[in-house]
Amino acid sequence: MLASELKLPHAEIDNPAFYFQANVKDIELTNFCGSEHTWLLPVASYLKGRTTTLYDGLAGDVISDGLQVDEQNLALFRVGRLEELATLLLRETGLGPFLASTLRSGFSAQLDESLAIEKLAAELARHQGARHPLVTYLFWSWMRRGIGLIPFAMLADIPNVCRPYLDYDLFDLLINLDPHTL
């Protein structure tokens, strides 16, 4: 209805026909960092050759709206209970039960959650001095290694992918906002 009202073309794009092959392509395009971008492959293919410029809102929701910022997690950050915070962050992904159900039991039993907690707590410690440590952690770790792959890898065939939230001045302003401003 919106496209019709604005007299814009509207296209519906199907999901990838073969999920496994799309996943392999995702992994290839993201240099083995992908895992959640298969939905974008048909969109990127559709846009290739149809446009030379796209605008991507990368980081906008995290640095300007506090997406994924939880008061409990922020409180743990403030008092330096980083191992507890790391445990919560790891477990909220649901990856542990998924791995236990998909990996061979012998290999799954060898996975040591305490090592992952230790490594994540060390990464969280790097952000303690930030004005909003949870946002800087999310941006520099999760965003950079996950969602950031969309404009930089998945849409690489589009010559100009603009990312306005990464403008230096705007980014510096938003990343330094007080947590309660968001």
N, C-alpha and C. Protein backbone atom coordinates (compact mmCIF):
# COMPACT_ATOMS: atom_id res chain seq x y z
N MET A 1 0.82 -1.20 0.00
CA MET A 1 0.00 0.00 0.00
C MET A 1 0.86 1.26 0.00
N LEU A 2 1.95 1.22 0.80
CA LEU A 2 2.84 2.37 0.86
C LEU A 2 3.50 2.61 -0.49
N ALA A 3 4.02 1.56 -1.10
CA ALA A 3 4.66 1.69 -2.41
C ALA A 3 3.66 2.22 -3.44
N SER A 4 2.45 1.73 -3.40
CA SER A 4 1.43 2.20 -4.33
C SER A 4 1.13 3.68 -4.11
N GLU A 5 0.97 4.07 -2.87
CA GLU A 5 0.66 5.47 -2.55
C GLU A 5 1.79 6.40 -3.00
N LEU A 6 3.03 5.94 -2.85
CA LEU A 6 4.18 6.76 -3.24
C LEU A 6 4.59 6.55 -4.69
N LYS A 7 3.83 5.72 -5.39
CA LYS A 7 4.10 5.39 -6.79
C LYS A 7 5.53 4.86 -6.99
N LEU A 8 5.88 3.93 -6.08
CA LEU A 8 7.18 3.28 -6.15
C LEU A 8 7.00 1.83 -6.56
N PRO A 9 7.96 1.27 -7.27
CA PRO A 9 7.84 -0.15 -7.61
C PRO A 9 7.95 -1.00 -6.34
N HIS A 10 7.22 -2.09 -6.32
CA HIS A 10 7.26 -3.01 -5.18
C HIS A 10 7.58 -4.40 -5.70
N ALA A 11 8.61 -5.00 -5.13
CA ALA A 11 8.99 -6.35 -5.55
C ALA A 11 9.00 -7.27 -4.33
N GLU A 12 8.46 -8.45 -4.51
CA GLU A 12 8.54 -9.46 -3.47
C GLU A 12 9.62 -10.44 -3.88
N ILE A 13 10.50 -10.74 -2.95
CA ILE A 13 11.65 -11.60 -3.24
C ILE A 13 11.54 -12.85 -2.38
N ASP A 14 11.61 -14.00 -3.02
CA ASP A 14 11.50 -15.27 -2.30
C ASP A 14 12.76 -15.56 -1.49
N ASN A 15 12.60 -16.40 -0.48
CA ASN A 15 13.73 -16.89 0.28
C ASN A 15 14.61 -17.74 -0.63
N PRO A 16 15.86 -17.96 -0.24
CA PRO A 16 16.70 -18.84 -1.06
C PRO A 16 16.03 -20.20 -1.24
N ALA A 17 16.14 -20.74 -2.43
CA ALA A 17 15.49 -22.02 -2.75
C ALA A 17 16.09 -23.18 -1.95
N PHE A 18 17.40 -23.12 -1.76
CA PHE A 18 18.10 -24.20 -1.05
C PHE A 18 18.89 -23.59 0.11
N TYR A 19 18.38 -23.79 1.31
CA TYR A 19 18.96 -23.16 2.49
C TYR A 19 20.42 -23.55 2.70
N PHE A 20 20.75 -24.83 2.56
CA PHE A 20 22.13 -25.27 2.78
C PHE A 20 23.08 -24.57 1.82
N GLN A 21 22.74 -24.53 0.54
CA GLN A 21 23.60 -23.86 -0.44
C GLN A 21 23.70 -22.37 -0.15
N ALA A 22 22.62 -21.75 0.31
CA ALA A 22 22.65 -20.33 0.66
C ALA A 22 23.56 -20.11 1.86
N ASN A 23 23.53 -21.03 2.81
CA ASN A 23 24.40 -20.92 3.98
C ASN A 23 25.87 -21.02 3.58
N VAL A 24 26.17 -21.93 2.68
CA VAL A 24 27.55 -22.06 2.19
C VAL A 24 27.99 -20.77 1.49
N LYS A 25 27.12 -20.19 0.69
CA LYS A 25 27.42 -18.93 0.00
C LYS A 25 27.63 -17.81 1.01
N ASP A 26 26.80 -17.74 2.03
CA ASP A 26 26.93 -16.76 3.11
C ASP A 26 28.31 -16.88 3.76
N ILE A 27 28.69 -18.10 4.08
CA ILE A 27 29.98 -18.35 4.73
C ILE A 27 31.12 -17.93 3.80
N GLU A 28 30.98 -18.24 2.53
CA GLU A 28 32.01 -17.87 1.54
C GLU A 28 32.15 -16.35 1.43
N LEU A 29 31.03 -15.65 1.28
CA LEU A 29 31.06 -14.19 1.11
C LEU A 29 31.60 -13.46 2.34
N THR A 30 31.41 -14.05 3.50
CA THR A 30 31.82 -13.39 4.74
C THR A 30 33.12 -13.97 5.29
N ASN A 31 33.85 -14.70 4.47
CA ASN A 31 35.13 -15.28 4.88
C ASN A 31 35.01 -16.09 6.17
N PHE A 32 34.02 -16.95 6.20
CA PHE A 32 33.76 -17.87 7.31
C PHE A 32 33.27 -17.16 8.58
N CYS A 33 32.77 -15.96 8.44
CA CYS A 33 32.22 -15.24 9.60
C CYS A 33 30.70 -15.21 9.57
N GLY A 34 30.09 -15.61 8.48
CA GLY A 34 28.65 -15.52 8.35
C GLY A 34 27.94 -16.64 9.07
N SER A 35 26.68 -16.40 9.34
CA SER A 35 25.84 -17.44 9.91
C SER A 35 24.38 -17.03 9.90
N GLU A 36 24.12 -15.80 9.60
CA GLU A 36 22.75 -15.34 9.73
C GLU A 36 22.32 -14.44 8.58
N HIS A 37 23.01 -14.51 7.47
CA HIS A 37 22.74 -13.58 6.39
C HIS A 37 22.12 -14.22 5.15
N THR A 38 21.72 -15.48 5.24
CA THR A 38 21.21 -16.16 4.06
C THR A 38 19.97 -15.46 3.49
N TRP A 39 19.17 -14.85 4.33
CA TRP A 39 17.96 -14.16 3.88
C TRP A 39 18.29 -13.05 2.89
N LEU A 40 19.50 -12.48 3.01
CA LEU A 40 19.88 -11.33 2.20
C LEU A 40 20.37 -11.71 0.80
N LEU A 41 20.76 -12.94 0.61
CA LEU A 41 21.32 -13.34 -0.69
C LEU A 41 20.37 -13.04 -1.86
N PRO A 42 19.10 -13.41 -1.79
CA PRO A 42 18.21 -13.08 -2.92
C PRO A 42 18.02 -11.57 -3.08
N VAL A 43 18.02 -10.83 -1.99
CA VAL A 43 17.88 -9.37 -2.06
C VAL A 43 19.10 -8.77 -2.74
N ALA A 44 20.30 -9.19 -2.31
CA ALA A 44 21.53 -8.68 -2.92
C ALA A 44 21.58 -9.02 -4.40
N SER A 45 21.17 -10.23 -4.74
CA SER A 45 21.15 -10.64 -6.14
C SER A 45 20.17 -9.78 -6.94
N TYR A 46 19.01 -9.52 -6.37
CA TYR A 46 18.00 -8.70 -7.04
C TYR A 46 18.52 -7.27 -7.26
N LEU A 47 19.22 -6.73 -6.28
CA LEU A 47 19.68 -5.34 -6.37
C LEU A 47 20.89 -5.16 -7.29
N LYS A 48 21.68 -6.22 -7.45
CA LYS A 48 22.88 -6.14 -8.29
C LYS A 48 22.49 -5.73 -9.71
N GLY A 49 23.08 -4.64 -10.17
CA GLY A 49 22.81 -4.14 -11.49
C GLY A 49 21.59 -3.24 -11.58
N ARG A 50 20.77 -3.22 -10.53
CA ARG A 50 19.58 -2.36 -10.53
C ARG A 50 19.84 -1.02 -9.85
N THR A 51 20.86 -0.98 -9.01
CA THR A 51 21.17 0.26 -8.29
C THR A 51 22.67 0.35 -8.07
N THR A 52 23.13 1.56 -7.91
CA THR A 52 24.55 1.76 -7.61
C THR A 52 24.74 2.29 -6.19
N THR A 53 23.63 2.64 -5.53
CA THR A 53 23.74 3.23 -4.20
C THR A 53 22.65 2.70 -3.28
N LEU A 54 23.05 2.32 -2.08
CA LEU A 54 22.13 1.89 -1.03
C LEU A 54 22.48 2.62 0.25
N TYR A 55 21.50 2.78 1.10
CA TYR A 55 21.73 3.31 2.44
C TYR A 55 21.46 2.19 3.43
N ASP A 56 22.42 1.95 4.29
CA ASP A 56 22.33 0.90 5.29
C ASP A 56 22.37 1.55 6.67
N GLY A 57 21.48 1.18 7.53
CA GLY A 57 21.40 1.78 8.87
C GLY A 57 22.29 1.10 9.89
N LEU A 58 23.38 0.49 9.44
CA LEU A 58 24.29 -0.23 10.33
C LEU A 58 24.61 0.57 11.58
N ALA A 59 24.37 -0.03 12.72
CA ALA A 59 24.68 0.49 14.05
C ALA A 59 23.67 1.50 14.58
N GLY A 60 22.77 1.98 13.74
CA GLY A 60 21.84 3.00 14.18
C GLY A 60 21.01 2.60 15.37
N ASP A 61 20.48 1.38 15.35
CA ASP A 61 19.62 0.94 16.45
C ASP A 61 20.40 0.72 17.75
N VAL A 62 21.65 0.31 17.65
CA VAL A 62 22.44 0.06 18.86
C VAL A 62 22.95 1.37 19.47
N ILE A 63 23.52 2.25 18.65
CA ILE A 63 24.14 3.45 19.24
C ILE A 63 23.18 4.61 19.45
N SER A 64 22.01 4.59 18.81
CA SER A 64 21.09 5.71 19.01
C SER A 64 19.84 5.33 19.79
N ASP A 65 19.58 4.03 19.92
CA ASP A 65 18.35 3.62 20.58
C ASP A 65 18.59 2.62 21.70
N GLY A 66 19.83 2.20 21.88
CA GLY A 66 20.14 1.26 22.95
C GLY A 66 19.57 -0.13 22.73
N LEU A 67 19.34 -0.50 21.46
CA LEU A 67 18.85 -1.84 21.18
C LEU A 67 19.76 -2.87 21.84
N GLN A 68 19.18 -3.83 22.46
CA GLN A 68 19.87 -4.92 23.16
C GLN A 68 20.52 -4.48 24.47
N VAL A 69 20.23 -3.26 24.92
CA VAL A 69 20.76 -2.83 26.20
C VAL A 69 19.74 -3.20 27.27
N ASP A 70 20.19 -3.96 28.21
CA ASP A 70 19.35 -4.47 29.28
C ASP A 70 19.85 -3.84 30.59
N GLU A 71 18.94 -3.32 31.40
CA GLU A 71 19.33 -2.65 32.65
C GLU A 71 20.10 -3.57 33.58
N GLN A 72 19.71 -4.84 33.65
CA GLN A 72 20.43 -5.79 34.50
C GLN A 72 21.87 -5.94 34.03
N ASN A 73 22.05 -6.09 32.71
CA ASN A 73 23.40 -6.24 32.17
C ASN A 73 24.22 -4.97 32.38
N LEU A 74 23.59 -3.83 32.21
CA LEU A 74 24.29 -2.56 32.42
C LEU A 74 24.71 -2.42 33.88
N ALA A 75 23.85 -2.82 34.81
CA ALA A 75 24.18 -2.76 36.24
C ALA A 75 25.36 -3.67 36.55
N LEU A 76 25.38 -4.87 35.98
CA LEU A 76 26.52 -5.78 36.20
C LEU A 76 27.80 -5.17 35.66
N PHE A 77 27.71 -4.49 34.54
CA PHE A 77 28.87 -3.82 33.95
C PHE A 77 29.40 -2.76 34.91
N ARG A 78 28.49 -1.95 35.43
CA ARG A 78 28.87 -0.84 36.31
C ARG A 78 29.60 -1.29 37.57
N VAL A 79 29.19 -2.42 38.14
CA VAL A 79 29.82 -2.89 39.37
C VAL A 79 30.96 -3.87 39.11
N GLY A 80 31.27 -4.08 37.84
CA GLY A 80 32.43 -4.90 37.50
C GLY A 80 32.23 -6.40 37.64
N ARG A 81 31.01 -6.86 37.65
CA ARG A 81 30.74 -8.31 37.73
C ARG A 81 30.71 -8.87 36.31
N LEU A 82 31.90 -8.84 35.70
CA LEU A 82 32.01 -9.17 34.28
C LEU A 82 31.86 -10.65 33.97
N GLU A 83 32.30 -11.50 34.86
CA GLU A 83 32.12 -12.94 34.60
C GLU A 83 30.64 -13.31 34.66
N GLU A 84 29.90 -12.70 35.58
CA GLU A 84 28.46 -12.94 35.66
C GLU A 84 27.77 -12.40 34.41
N LEU A 85 28.19 -11.21 33.98
CA LEU A 85 27.64 -10.61 32.77
C LEU A 85 27.96 -11.48 31.56
N ALA A 86 29.20 -11.93 31.47
CA ALA A 86 29.60 -12.79 30.35
C ALA A 86 28.76 -14.06 30.32
N THR A 87 28.51 -14.64 31.47
CA THR A 87 27.69 -15.86 31.55
C THR A 87 26.28 -15.58 31.03
N LEU A 88 25.69 -14.47 31.47
CA LEU A 88 24.34 -14.12 31.00
C LEU A 88 24.31 -13.90 29.50
N LEU A 89 25.29 -13.16 28.99
CA LEU A 89 25.32 -12.87 27.55
C LEU A 89 25.48 -14.14 26.73
N LEU A 90 26.34 -15.03 27.18
CA LEU A 90 26.54 -16.28 26.44
C LEU A 90 25.30 -17.16 26.48
N ARG A 91 24.69 -17.24 27.62
CA ARG A 91 23.54 -18.14 27.77
C ARG A 91 22.29 -17.60 27.09
N GLU A 92 22.17 -16.28 26.98
CA GLU A 92 20.96 -15.75 26.35
C GLU A 92 20.91 -16.02 24.85
N THR A 93 22.03 -16.39 24.27
CA THR A 93 22.04 -16.72 22.85
C THR A 93 21.37 -18.05 22.55
N GLY A 94 21.33 -18.93 23.55
CA GLY A 94 20.77 -20.26 23.34
C GLY A 94 21.69 -21.17 22.55
N LEU A 95 22.92 -20.73 22.33
CA LEU A 95 23.85 -21.51 21.52
C LEU A 95 24.30 -22.79 22.21
N GLY A 96 24.42 -22.77 23.54
CA GLY A 96 24.86 -23.97 24.28
C GLY A 96 23.98 -25.18 24.02
N PRO A 97 22.67 -25.07 24.27
CA PRO A 97 21.80 -26.21 23.99
C PRO A 97 21.79 -26.61 22.51
N PHE A 98 21.89 -25.62 21.62
CA PHE A 98 21.94 -25.93 20.18
C PHE A 98 23.17 -26.76 19.86
N LEU A 99 24.33 -26.33 20.37
CA LEU A 99 25.56 -27.08 20.10
C LEU A 99 25.49 -28.48 20.70
N ALA A 100 24.96 -28.57 21.91
CA ALA A 100 24.85 -29.88 22.57
C ALA A 100 23.96 -30.83 21.77
N SER A 101 22.95 -30.29 21.11
CA SER A 101 22.03 -31.14 20.35
C SER A 101 22.51 -31.45 18.94
N THR A 102 23.47 -30.68 18.42
CA THR A 102 23.89 -30.89 17.04
C THR A 102 25.28 -31.49 16.89
N LEU A 103 26.11 -31.34 17.90
CA LEU A 103 27.46 -31.90 17.83
C LEU A 103 27.50 -33.30 18.41
N ARG A 104 28.47 -34.06 17.99
CA ARG A 104 28.65 -35.40 18.57
C ARG A 104 28.89 -35.25 20.07
N SER A 105 28.32 -36.16 20.82
CA SER A 105 28.37 -36.04 22.28
C SER A 105 29.80 -35.99 22.82
N GLY A 106 30.71 -36.74 22.23
CA GLY A 106 32.10 -36.71 22.69
C GLY A 106 32.73 -35.35 22.51
N PHE A 107 32.46 -34.74 21.35
CA PHE A 107 33.01 -33.40 21.10
C PHE A 107 32.30 -32.35 21.95
N SER A 108 30.99 -32.46 22.01
CA SER A 108 30.20 -31.51 22.80
C SER A 108 30.63 -31.51 24.25
N ALA A 109 30.94 -32.68 24.78
CA ALA A 109 31.35 -32.79 26.19
C ALA A 109 32.69 -32.09 26.44
N GLN A 110 33.48 -31.95 25.40
CA GLN A 110 34.80 -31.30 25.55
C GLN A 110 34.71 -29.78 25.57
N LEU A 111 33.58 -29.23 25.14
CA LEU A 111 33.43 -27.78 25.12
C LEU A 111 33.37 -27.27 26.55
N ASP A 112 34.17 -26.26 26.82
CA ASP A 112 34.29 -25.73 28.18
C ASP A 112 33.71 -24.32 28.23
N GLU A 113 32.55 -24.20 28.81
CA GLU A 113 31.89 -22.89 28.89
C GLU A 113 32.74 -21.89 29.69
N SER A 114 33.49 -22.39 30.65
CA SER A 114 34.28 -21.48 31.50
C SER A 114 35.33 -20.73 30.67
N LEU A 115 35.89 -21.37 29.65
CA LEU A 115 36.85 -20.69 28.78
C LEU A 115 36.17 -19.58 27.99
N ALA A 116 34.98 -19.85 27.47
CA ALA A 116 34.22 -18.82 26.74
C ALA A 116 33.87 -17.66 27.67
N ILE A 117 33.48 -17.96 28.89
CA ILE A 117 33.14 -16.92 29.87
C ILE A 117 34.37 -16.08 30.17
N GLU A 118 35.49 -16.73 30.37
CA GLU A 118 36.75 -16.02 30.66
C GLU A 118 37.13 -15.08 29.50
N LYS A 119 37.04 -15.57 28.28
CA LYS A 119 37.40 -14.75 27.10
C LYS A 119 36.43 -13.58 26.93
N LEU A 120 35.13 -13.85 27.12
CA LEU A 120 34.15 -12.78 26.97
C LEU A 120 34.30 -11.75 28.09
N ALA A 121 34.56 -12.19 29.31
CA ALA A 121 34.77 -11.25 30.42
C ALA A 121 35.98 -10.35 30.14
N ALA A 122 37.03 -10.91 29.55
CA ALA A 122 38.21 -10.11 29.19
C ALA A 122 37.85 -9.07 28.13
N GLU A 123 37.02 -9.46 27.16
CA GLU A 123 36.57 -8.51 26.14
C GLU A 123 35.71 -7.43 26.76
N LEU A 124 34.82 -7.80 27.65
CA LEU A 124 33.97 -6.82 28.33
C LEU A 124 34.80 -5.82 29.13
N ALA A 125 35.87 -6.29 29.75
CA ALA A 125 36.75 -5.42 30.54
C ALA A 125 37.35 -4.31 29.69
N ARG A 126 37.57 -4.58 28.42
CA ARG A 126 38.12 -3.56 27.52
C ARG A 126 37.19 -2.36 27.36
N HIS A 127 35.91 -2.53 27.70
CA HIS A 127 34.91 -1.48 27.48
C HIS A 127 34.49 -0.78 28.77
N GLN A 128 35.07 -1.16 29.89
CA GLN A 128 34.65 -0.60 31.18
C GLN A 128 34.79 0.91 31.27
N GLY A 129 35.77 1.49 30.62
CA GLY A 129 35.97 2.93 30.71
C GLY A 129 35.07 3.75 29.80
N ALA A 130 34.29 3.10 28.99
CA ALA A 130 33.42 3.82 28.04
C ALA A 130 32.23 4.45 28.76
N ARG A 131 31.73 5.50 28.18
CA ARG A 131 30.56 6.17 28.75
C ARG A 131 29.38 5.20 28.83
N HIS A 132 29.22 4.40 27.81
CA HIS A 132 28.16 3.39 27.79
C HIS A 132 28.82 2.07 27.38
N PRO A 133 29.39 1.35 28.34
CA PRO A 133 30.20 0.17 28.02
C PRO A 133 29.44 -0.94 27.29
N LEU A 134 28.16 -1.10 27.58
CA LEU A 134 27.42 -2.16 26.90
C LEU A 134 27.24 -1.84 25.42
N VAL A 135 27.02 -0.58 25.10
CA VAL A 135 26.88 -0.18 23.70
C VAL A 135 28.22 -0.33 22.96
N THR A 136 29.32 0.09 23.59
CA THR A 136 30.61 -0.05 22.89
C THR A 136 30.96 -1.53 22.71
N TYR A 137 30.66 -2.35 23.71
CA TYR A 137 30.90 -3.78 23.53
C TYR A 137 30.08 -4.32 22.37
N LEU A 138 28.78 -4.01 22.35
CA LEU A 138 27.91 -4.50 21.28
C LEU A 138 28.40 -4.03 19.91
N PHE A 139 28.79 -2.76 19.84
CA PHE A 139 29.23 -2.22 18.56
C PHE A 139 30.54 -2.86 18.11
N TRP A 140 31.56 -2.81 18.95
CA TRP A 140 32.89 -3.24 18.53
C TRP A 140 33.05 -4.75 18.46
N SER A 141 32.17 -5.49 19.07
CA SER A 141 32.28 -6.95 19.02
C SER A 141 31.20 -7.56 18.14
N TRP A 142 29.98 -7.54 18.61
CA TRP A 142 28.89 -8.20 17.89
C TRP A 142 28.58 -7.52 16.56
N MET A 143 28.43 -6.22 16.58
CA MET A 143 28.06 -5.48 15.36
C MET A 143 29.14 -5.64 14.30
N ARG A 144 30.36 -5.47 14.69
CA ARG A 144 31.48 -5.51 13.75
C ARG A 144 31.66 -6.89 13.14
N ARG A 145 31.41 -7.92 13.93
CA ARG A 145 31.65 -9.28 13.46
C ARG A 145 30.41 -9.98 12.90
N GLY A 146 29.25 -9.38 13.07
CA GLY A 146 28.03 -10.02 12.62
C GLY A 146 27.27 -9.18 11.61
N ILE A 147 26.52 -8.24 12.12
CA ILE A 147 25.67 -7.41 11.27
C ILE A 147 26.50 -6.57 10.29
N GLY A 148 27.67 -6.16 10.70
CA GLY A 148 28.54 -5.34 9.85
C GLY A 148 28.93 -6.03 8.55
N LEU A 149 28.78 -7.34 8.52
CA LEU A 149 29.11 -8.07 7.30
C LEU A 149 28.12 -7.80 6.17
N ILE A 150 26.93 -7.31 6.52
CA ILE A 150 25.93 -7.06 5.48
C ILE A 150 26.42 -6.00 4.50
N PRO A 151 26.71 -4.76 4.94
CA PRO A 151 27.12 -3.77 3.94
C PRO A 151 28.53 -3.99 3.39
N PHE A 152 29.38 -4.66 4.17
CA PHE A 152 30.77 -4.79 3.74
C PHE A 152 31.06 -6.08 2.98
N ALA A 153 30.21 -7.08 3.08
CA ALA A 153 30.46 -8.34 2.38
C ALA A 153 29.27 -8.77 1.52
N MET A 154 28.12 -8.86 2.12
CA MET A 154 26.95 -9.36 1.41
C MET A 154 26.51 -8.43 0.28
N LEU A 155 26.70 -7.14 0.46
CA LEU A 155 26.29 -6.16 -0.56
C LEU A 155 27.50 -5.60 -1.32
N ALA A 156 28.57 -6.36 -1.37
CA ALA A 156 29.81 -5.90 -2.00
C ALA A 156 29.66 -5.60 -3.49
N ASP A 157 28.65 -6.16 -4.14
CA ASP A 157 28.45 -5.89 -5.57
C ASP A 157 27.76 -4.56 -5.84
N ILE A 158 27.30 -3.88 -4.80
CA ILE A 158 26.70 -2.55 -4.95
C ILE A 158 27.83 -1.54 -4.76
N PRO A 159 28.11 -0.70 -5.75
CA PRO A 159 29.28 0.19 -5.67
C PRO A 159 29.31 1.14 -4.48
N ASN A 160 28.16 1.69 -4.09
CA ASN A 160 28.13 2.66 -3.00
C ASN A 160 27.11 2.23 -1.95
N VAL A 161 27.60 1.70 -0.85
CA VAL A 161 26.72 1.36 0.27
C VAL A 161 27.03 2.37 1.37
N CYS A 162 26.14 3.33 1.53
CA CYS A 162 26.34 4.41 2.50
C CYS A 162 25.87 3.96 3.87
N ARG A 163 26.64 4.30 4.89
CA ARG A 163 26.34 3.94 6.26
C ARG A 163 26.36 5.20 7.12
N PRO A 164 25.27 5.96 7.12
CA PRO A 164 25.28 7.28 7.77
C PRO A 164 25.58 7.26 9.27
N TYR A 165 25.22 6.19 9.98
CA TYR A 165 25.50 6.15 11.42
C TYR A 165 26.99 5.97 11.71
N LEU A 166 27.77 5.66 10.69
CA LEU A 166 29.21 5.54 10.89
C LEU A 166 29.95 6.83 10.52
N ASP A 167 29.21 7.87 10.19
CA ASP A 167 29.81 9.19 10.00
C ASP A 167 30.56 9.54 11.28
N TYR A 168 31.80 9.98 11.16
CA TYR A 168 32.65 10.19 12.33
C TYR A 168 31.99 11.05 13.41
N ASP A 169 31.49 12.20 13.04
CA ASP A 169 30.92 13.11 14.02
C ASP A 169 29.66 12.54 14.67
N LEU A 170 28.78 11.99 13.85
CA LEU A 170 27.55 11.41 14.39
C LEU A 170 27.87 10.22 15.28
N PHE A 171 28.77 9.37 14.82
CA PHE A 171 29.16 8.20 15.62
C PHE A 171 29.73 8.63 16.96
N ASP A 172 30.65 9.59 16.96
CA ASP A 172 31.25 10.05 18.22
C ASP A 172 30.20 10.61 19.18
N LEU A 173 29.23 11.32 18.65
CA LEU A 173 28.16 11.84 19.49
C LEU A 173 27.35 10.70 20.10
N LEU A 174 26.88 9.79 19.27
CA LEU A 174 25.97 8.74 19.74
C LEU A 174 26.64 7.71 20.63
N ILE A 175 27.88 7.34 20.33
CA ILE A 175 28.55 6.31 21.13
C ILE A 175 28.89 6.83 22.52
N ASN A 176 28.91 8.14 22.68
CA ASN A 176 29.25 8.74 23.96
C ASN A 176 28.06 9.27 24.75
N LEU A 177 26.85 8.95 24.31
CA LEU A 177 25.68 9.37 25.06
C LEU A 177 25.59 8.63 26.40
N ASP A 178 25.05 9.28 27.38
CA ASP A 178 24.81 8.63 28.67
C ASP A 178 23.80 7.50 28.43
N PRO A 179 24.00 6.35 29.11
CA PRO A 179 23.10 5.22 28.90
C PRO A 179 21.63 5.55 29.12
N HIS A 180 21.33 6.46 30.00
CA HIS A 180 19.94 6.77 30.29
C HIS A 180 19.34 7.75 29.30
N THR A 181 20.15 8.24 28.38
CA THR A 181 19.65 9.12 27.32
C THR A 181 18.96 8.29 26.25
N LEU A 182 19.42 7.07 26.08
CA LEU A 182 18.88 6.20 25.03
C LEU A 182 17.51 5.67 25.41
